Amino acid sequence: MRKTEGIEIVVVLDKTDAAVDQVKHGLVNLITEAAILVQAQAAMRAPVRTGYLRNSIRVEKLPSPDDLEGVVGVGAHYGVYVEFGTRRMAARPYVAPAVDESEKFIKKRLQDLLEGF
């Protein structure tokens, strides 16, 4: 009887490891999609004078199973001043609204991912 219980425990642990791997893979895909969506939305919202700011918005880091982080960055040195303004220039946010707009999609995809378990 004890031997059977041990086998059942091993099977459950194997299934748990597979489920964790499946969730990590789903999260990597979700974070990748979210980073690409935020980048596209921010580029679409960025004010354009020369196009440099818009063209400098990039996905700088994609997630991996061991590092679940995606990073969208702005390469134009003045991007922060456009986003938040200065004492002489009003703010013209483009990144924060892109994140806000993408939030609903991200939450829905995360909910869909977790409902599978």
Protein backbone atom coordinates (compact mmCIF):
# COMPACT_ATOMS: atom_id res chain seq x y z
CA MET A 1 0.00 0.00 0.00
CA ARG A 2 2.79 2.45 0.86
CA LYS A 3 4.51 1.83 -2.46
CA THR A 4 1.35 2.75 -4.36
CA GLU A 5 0.96 5.98 -2.41
CA GLY A 6 4.54 6.96 -3.27
CA ILE A 7 3.90 6.40 -6.97
CA GLU A 8 0.77 8.53 -6.83
CA ILE A 9 2.70 11.35 -5.20
CA VAL A 10 5.35 11.24 -7.92
CA VAL A 11 2.68 11.38 -10.61
CA VAL A 12 1.03 14.39 -8.95
CA LEU A 13 4.38 16.18 -8.68
CA ASP A 14 5.13 15.48 -12.35
CA LYS A 15 1.78 16.98 -13.32
CA THR A 16 2.45 19.99 -11.08
CA ASP A 17 5.81 20.63 -12.75
CA ALA A 18 4.16 20.40 -16.17
CA ALA A 19 1.43 22.84 -15.08
CA VAL A 20 4.02 25.32 -13.76
CA ASP A 21 5.92 25.10 -17.05
CA GLN A 22 2.69 25.63 -18.98
CA VAL A 23 1.81 28.71 -16.91
CA LYS A 24 5.33 30.13 -17.36
CA HIS A 25 5.12 29.61 -21.12
CA GLY A 26 1.71 31.32 -21.16
CA LEU A 27 3.06 34.24 -19.12
CA VAL A 28 6.05 34.64 -21.46
CA ASN A 29 3.64 34.85 -24.41
CA LEU A 30 1.34 37.25 -22.57
CA ILE A 31 4.15 39.60 -21.50
CA THR A 32 5.59 39.55 -25.03
CA GLU A 33 2.20 40.46 -26.50
CA ALA A 34 1.69 43.15 -23.86
CA ALA A 35 5.09 44.74 -24.53
CA ILE A 36 4.46 44.80 -28.28
CA LEU A 37 0.98 46.27 -27.73
CA VAL A 38 2.25 49.02 -25.39
CA GLN A 39 5.06 49.85 -27.83
CA ALA A 40 2.60 50.15 -30.73
CA GLN A 41 0.11 52.21 -28.72
CA ALA A 42 2.82 54.57 -27.42
CA ALA A 43 4.24 55.06 -30.91
CA MET A 44 0.77 55.81 -32.22
CA ARG A 45 0.16 58.39 -29.46
CA ALA A 46 3.58 60.07 -29.51
CA PRO A 47 3.51 63.63 -30.81
CA VAL A 48 5.32 63.90 -34.13
CA ARG A 49 7.49 66.73 -35.27
CA THR A 50 10.35 64.89 -36.91
CA GLY A 51 9.34 61.30 -36.14
CA TYR A 52 12.44 60.66 -34.03
CA LEU A 53 10.49 60.23 -30.78
CA ARG A 54 7.97 57.88 -32.37
CA ASN A 55 10.67 55.81 -34.05
CA SER A 56 12.70 55.55 -30.84
CA ILE A 57 9.99 53.68 -28.91
CA ARG A 58 11.10 50.06 -28.77
CA VAL A 59 10.56 46.80 -26.96
CA GLU A 60 13.94 46.64 -25.24
CA LYS A 61 13.58 43.38 -23.37
CA LEU A 62 11.41 40.33 -23.89
CA PRO A 63 10.58 37.85 -21.13
CA SER A 64 11.95 34.35 -20.66
CA PRO A 65 10.68 31.53 -18.41
CA ASP A 66 13.33 32.47 -15.84
CA ASP A 67 12.81 36.24 -16.09
CA LEU A 68 9.19 37.26 -16.58
CA GLU A 69 9.81 40.89 -17.49
CA GLY A 70 9.21 42.87 -20.64
CA VAL A 71 10.52 46.40 -21.08
CA VAL A 72 9.36 49.10 -23.48
CA GLY A 73 11.74 52.03 -23.69
CA VAL A 74 12.01 55.41 -25.35
CA GLY A 75 15.37 56.13 -26.93
CA ALA A 76 14.86 59.84 -27.57
CA HIS A 77 16.55 61.70 -24.73
CA TYR A 78 13.71 64.22 -24.58
CA GLY A 79 10.95 61.58 -24.36
CA VAL A 80 10.62 61.99 -20.60
CA TYR A 81 10.07 65.74 -20.99
CA VAL A 82 7.33 65.20 -23.54
CA GLU A 83 5.65 62.58 -21.31
CA PHE A 84 5.76 64.59 -18.06
CA GLY A 85 6.32 68.15 -19.23
CA THR A 86 8.62 70.79 -17.83
CA ARG A 87 7.94 74.07 -16.11
CA ARG A 88 7.92 75.69 -19.57
CA MET A 89 6.19 72.96 -21.56
CA ALA A 90 2.94 71.17 -20.86
CA ALA A 91 3.01 67.39 -20.61
CA ARG A 92 1.91 65.43 -23.66
CA PRO A 93 1.64 61.90 -22.28
CA TYR A 94 1.93 59.03 -24.72
CA VAL A 95 3.39 56.12 -22.71
CA ALA A 96 1.05 56.19 -19.69
CA PRO A 97 -2.09 56.30 -21.88
CA ALA A 98 -0.68 53.39 -23.92
CA VAL A 99 -0.26 51.34 -20.75
CA ASP A 100 -3.73 52.33 -19.54
CA GLU A 101 -5.32 51.37 -22.85
CA SER A 102 -3.50 48.04 -22.93
CA GLU A 103 -4.40 47.14 -19.34
CA LYS A 104 -7.85 45.75 -20.16
CA PHE A 105 -6.42 43.45 -22.84
CA ILE A 106 -3.64 42.27 -20.52
CA LYS A 107 -6.03 41.54 -17.65
CA LYS A 108 -8.38 39.62 -19.96
CA ARG A 109 -5.53 37.51 -21.39
CA LEU A 110 -4.22 36.79 -17.88
CA GLN A 111 -7.68 35.76 -16.73
CA ASP A 112 -8.04 33.46 -19.76
CA LEU A 113 -4.63 31.92 -19.05
CA LEU A 114 -5.40 31.22 -15.41
CA GLU A 115 -8.90 29.87 -16.08
CA GLY A 116 -7.32 26.96 -17.91
CA PHE A 117 -6.09 25.61 -14.58
